[in-house]
Every structure is written in C-alpha cells, then in structure tokens.
Amino acid sequence: MDTFETPKVFRANPSKLKKRAFLVAGLIGAGGLLWGIFGKDGADVRPFAFAGGIVMVAFSIRFWSMQVWKGASELTFDSTGVTLADKSSRVTVPWAELQSIRYWVSRSGHHWRIQSRAREDSLDYYLDGLTYRQREELHDTIESIKRPDVKIVVFYNPFEAAA
C-alpha cells in the first residue's frame, strides 16, 4: 500500500506534567551531581549522588532536546510520500525515491531509518515519546507498505548492522 487517501500522522505529544517532571529531574540531578563533586560531608554517599546526578541530567537533556526544544518529530505517510518534520525542518521522500524503511537500534535509541535513493544520509524517526498504541500503529502502517522496489524491515537485525 503506497496510496494513503487519508494521511497517517505519528507524533509524540508530551504533556505539561511530563515536561515539568523532566525539568525537576534535571534540576535534582544537577544538584546531586554538584553535591557529589563539591560536597564536604557524606563521603560514602557522594559517589552515588554523582552517578545518579549524571544519569538524571543526561536523560533530562535528551528528553528536552528531542521533545521540547526542537519540537517532537512528526512522521507522515500520505499520497506524496513519507514526510519527517519538526519545528525547524520538513523533508519529504516521494514514493518513487523511497529505498527502504528499517527498524533500527543504536546507542541513541530505537528508531525507524528511512532511506531515499536521492539522499546520501538517512532520515531517522525516534520512537521517544510515542505511546505503545502509537508504536503498534506505526509498525502496522510500515508493514502494510507493499512496493516491489522498497525494502521494509520491521524487526531489528543486528547482523545487518554489523555488515
């Protein structure tokens, strides 16, 4: 299926509560990190505060940069092709230029890698912020694309990554 009469749009929608929770976690993590570095008392607990602070700050920064700062990515399947957009950019891969869509796992997270014949680099749609139902619907939508010239891989193949 490569003709979507009604566009299918996938976009994370972080709530205000989630944004505030990650902001608070980042501030607590920064406090723990600073106490782990500069604290005078609690020498037996400071390494745990340092390690926990780094983790909380890293996840908070990642969430903030992927969901709030640049805006949540939006993946759209419609009659013109596959479009990946955020607040600052919008890239459309027409159906004729689409080479492959693969489920990919890397250090940066789980994402769908969209490869075009016309572009050297791939477009990556990260699954951060999508609900389970949205992930399942996205999986089913990608699996339903039937074109002889497009390779669809809906599961992660670590041997392909090693090649």
Protein backbone atom coordinates (compact mmCIF):
# COMPACT_ATOMS: atom_id res chain seq x y z
CA MET A 1 0.00 0.00 0.00
CA ASP A 2 1.58 3.28 -1.08
CA THR A 3 -1.50 5.42 -1.56
CA PHE A 4 -2.73 6.91 1.67
CA GLU A 5 -6.02 8.68 0.89
CA THR A 6 -6.09 10.00 4.43
CA PRO A 7 -2.65 10.89 5.77
CA LYS A 8 -1.36 8.90 8.75
CA VAL A 9 0.50 11.14 11.18
CA PHE A 10 2.64 9.92 14.08
CA ARG A 11 3.78 12.45 16.63
CA ALA A 12 4.66 12.36 20.30
CA ASN A 13 2.66 14.74 22.43
CA PRO A 14 4.42 15.30 25.76
CA SER A 15 2.11 16.68 28.41
CA LYS A 16 2.88 19.66 30.63
CA LEU A 17 3.22 17.25 33.55
CA LYS A 18 5.88 15.24 31.70
CA LYS A 19 7.77 18.41 30.75
CA ARG A 20 7.72 19.62 34.37
CA ALA A 21 8.77 16.21 35.67
CA PHE A 22 11.82 16.12 33.41
CA LEU A 23 12.70 19.71 34.33
CA VAL A 24 12.51 18.85 38.05
CA ALA A 25 14.50 15.64 37.46
CA GLY A 26 17.17 17.66 35.65
CA LEU A 27 17.41 20.16 38.49
CA ILE A 28 17.58 17.40 41.13
CA GLY A 29 20.19 15.61 39.02
CA ALA A 30 22.26 18.78 38.72
CA GLY A 31 22.05 19.23 42.49
CA GLY A 32 23.12 15.63 43.10
CA LEU A 33 25.95 15.98 40.61
CA LEU A 34 27.23 19.16 42.25
CA TRP A 35 26.93 17.67 45.72
CA GLY A 36 28.82 14.59 44.53
CA ILE A 37 31.64 16.80 43.27
CA PHE A 38 31.81 19.58 45.87
CA GLY A 39 30.08 18.12 48.95
CA LYS A 40 32.01 18.11 52.24
CA ASP A 41 30.06 15.51 54.21
CA GLY A 42 28.66 12.05 53.38
CA ALA A 43 31.75 10.70 51.66
CA ASP A 44 30.19 7.23 51.45
CA VAL A 45 27.09 8.54 49.57
CA ARG A 46 28.66 11.16 47.32
CA PRO A 47 29.68 8.72 44.53
CA PHE A 48 26.06 7.54 44.25
CA ALA A 49 24.82 11.13 44.14
CA PHE A 50 27.36 11.89 41.41
CA ALA A 51 26.40 8.85 39.30
CA GLY A 52 22.66 9.37 39.81
CA GLY A 53 23.00 13.06 39.02
CA ILE A 54 24.77 12.38 35.74
CA VAL A 55 22.07 9.90 34.67
CA MET A 56 19.20 12.23 35.60
CA VAL A 57 20.78 15.21 33.84
CA ALA A 58 21.58 13.19 30.70
CA PHE A 59 18.05 11.80 30.35
CA SER A 60 16.51 15.19 31.08
CA ILE A 61 18.65 16.92 28.46
CA ARG A 62 17.86 14.19 25.93
CA PHE A 63 14.12 14.46 26.57
CA TRP A 64 14.19 18.24 26.48
CA SER A 65 16.17 18.42 23.23
CA MET A 66 14.09 15.77 21.43
CA GLN A 67 10.60 16.65 22.65
CA VAL A 68 10.54 20.32 23.67
CA TRP A 69 13.41 22.37 22.27
CA LYS A 70 13.24 21.30 18.60
CA GLY A 71 9.71 20.03 18.93
CA ALA A 72 8.58 16.45 18.70
CA SER A 73 9.30 14.85 15.35
CA GLU A 74 6.32 14.13 13.14
CA LEU A 75 6.21 11.26 10.66
CA THR A 76 3.52 11.46 7.98
CA PHE A 77 2.51 8.92 5.37
CA ASP A 78 0.36 10.42 2.61
CA SER A 79 -0.19 10.26 -1.14
CA THR A 80 3.00 12.22 -1.91
CA GLY A 81 5.33 10.05 0.16
CA VAL A 82 6.89 9.90 3.61
CA THR A 83 7.49 13.21 5.43
CA LEU A 84 9.64 13.75 8.51
CA ALA A 85 9.25 17.15 10.16
CA ASP A 86 9.94 19.11 13.33
CA LYS A 87 9.76 22.82 14.20
CA SER A 88 12.78 23.76 12.10
CA SER A 89 12.71 21.43 9.07
CA ARG A 90 10.49 19.32 6.84
CA VAL A 91 11.79 16.62 4.49
CA THR A 92 9.59 14.60 2.13
CA VAL A 93 10.72 11.42 0.42
CA PRO A 94 8.45 10.72 -2.57
CA TRP A 95 7.28 7.14 -3.02
CA ALA A 96 9.33 6.81 -6.22
CA GLU A 97 12.56 7.72 -4.38
CA LEU A 98 11.94 5.59 -1.28
CA GLN A 99 14.56 2.84 -0.99
CA SER A 100 13.96 1.29 2.44
CA ILE A 101 12.36 1.66 5.85
CA ARG A 102 14.08 -0.29 8.62
CA TYR A 103 13.63 -0.65 12.34
CA TRP A 104 16.98 0.28 13.87
CA VAL A 105 18.56 0.18 17.31
CA SER A 106 21.66 2.20 18.08
CA ARG A 107 23.30 3.96 21.01
CA SER A 108 20.95 6.86 20.52
CA GLY A 109 17.81 4.72 20.83
CA HIS A 110 15.16 2.86 18.86
CA HIS A 111 14.13 4.46 15.61
CA TRP A 112 12.85 3.90 12.08
CA ARG A 113 15.52 4.59 9.45
CA ILE A 114 14.09 5.90 6.18
CA GLN A 115 16.48 5.72 3.24
CA SER A 116 15.97 7.58 -0.02
CA ARG A 117 17.60 6.87 -3.35
CA ALA A 118 18.24 10.60 -3.86
CA ARG A 119 19.85 11.33 -0.46
CA GLU A 120 23.09 10.01 0.97
CA ASP A 121 22.02 10.30 4.60
CA SER A 122 19.03 8.58 6.12
CA LEU A 123 16.09 10.12 7.93
CA ASP A 124 15.68 8.75 11.46
CA TYR A 125 12.38 8.85 13.31
CA TYR A 126 12.97 8.18 17.01
CA LEU A 127 10.23 6.46 19.00
CA ASP A 128 10.77 8.54 22.15
CA GLY A 129 7.51 9.89 23.45
CA LEU A 130 5.18 7.65 21.44
CA THR A 131 2.67 5.59 23.36
CA TYR A 132 2.58 1.82 22.99
CA ARG A 133 -0.54 2.10 20.84
CA GLN A 134 1.13 4.66 18.55
CA ARG A 135 4.17 2.41 18.18
CA GLU A 136 1.99 -0.54 17.23
CA GLU A 137 0.00 1.51 14.73
CA LEU A 138 3.24 2.85 13.19
CA HIS A 139 4.61 -0.70 12.95
CA ASP A 140 1.41 -1.89 11.23
CA THR A 141 1.42 1.09 8.86
CA ILE A 142 5.01 0.49 7.79
CA GLU A 143 4.39 -3.24 7.46
CA SER A 144 1.41 -2.55 5.17
CA ILE A 145 3.56 -0.74 2.58
CA LYS A 146 3.85 -3.10 -0.38
CA ARG A 147 6.13 -1.90 -3.15
CA PRO A 148 8.47 -4.15 -5.11
CA ASP A 149 11.30 -1.57 -5.11
CA VAL A 150 11.17 -0.75 -1.37
CA LYS A 151 12.76 -2.90 1.31
CA ILE A 152 10.74 -2.98 4.52
CA VAL A 153 12.37 -4.46 7.64
CA VAL A 154 10.07 -4.33 10.67
CA PHE A 155 12.40 -6.02 13.15
CA TYR A 156 15.93 -5.22 14.25
CA ASN A 157 18.58 -7.39 12.62
CA PRO A 158 21.92 -6.98 14.44
CA PHE A 159 23.76 -8.92 11.74
CA GLU A 160 22.74 -6.35 9.16
CA ALA A 161 24.18 -3.60 11.36
CA ALA A 162 27.48 -5.47 11.61
CA ALA A 163 27.88 -5.73 7.85
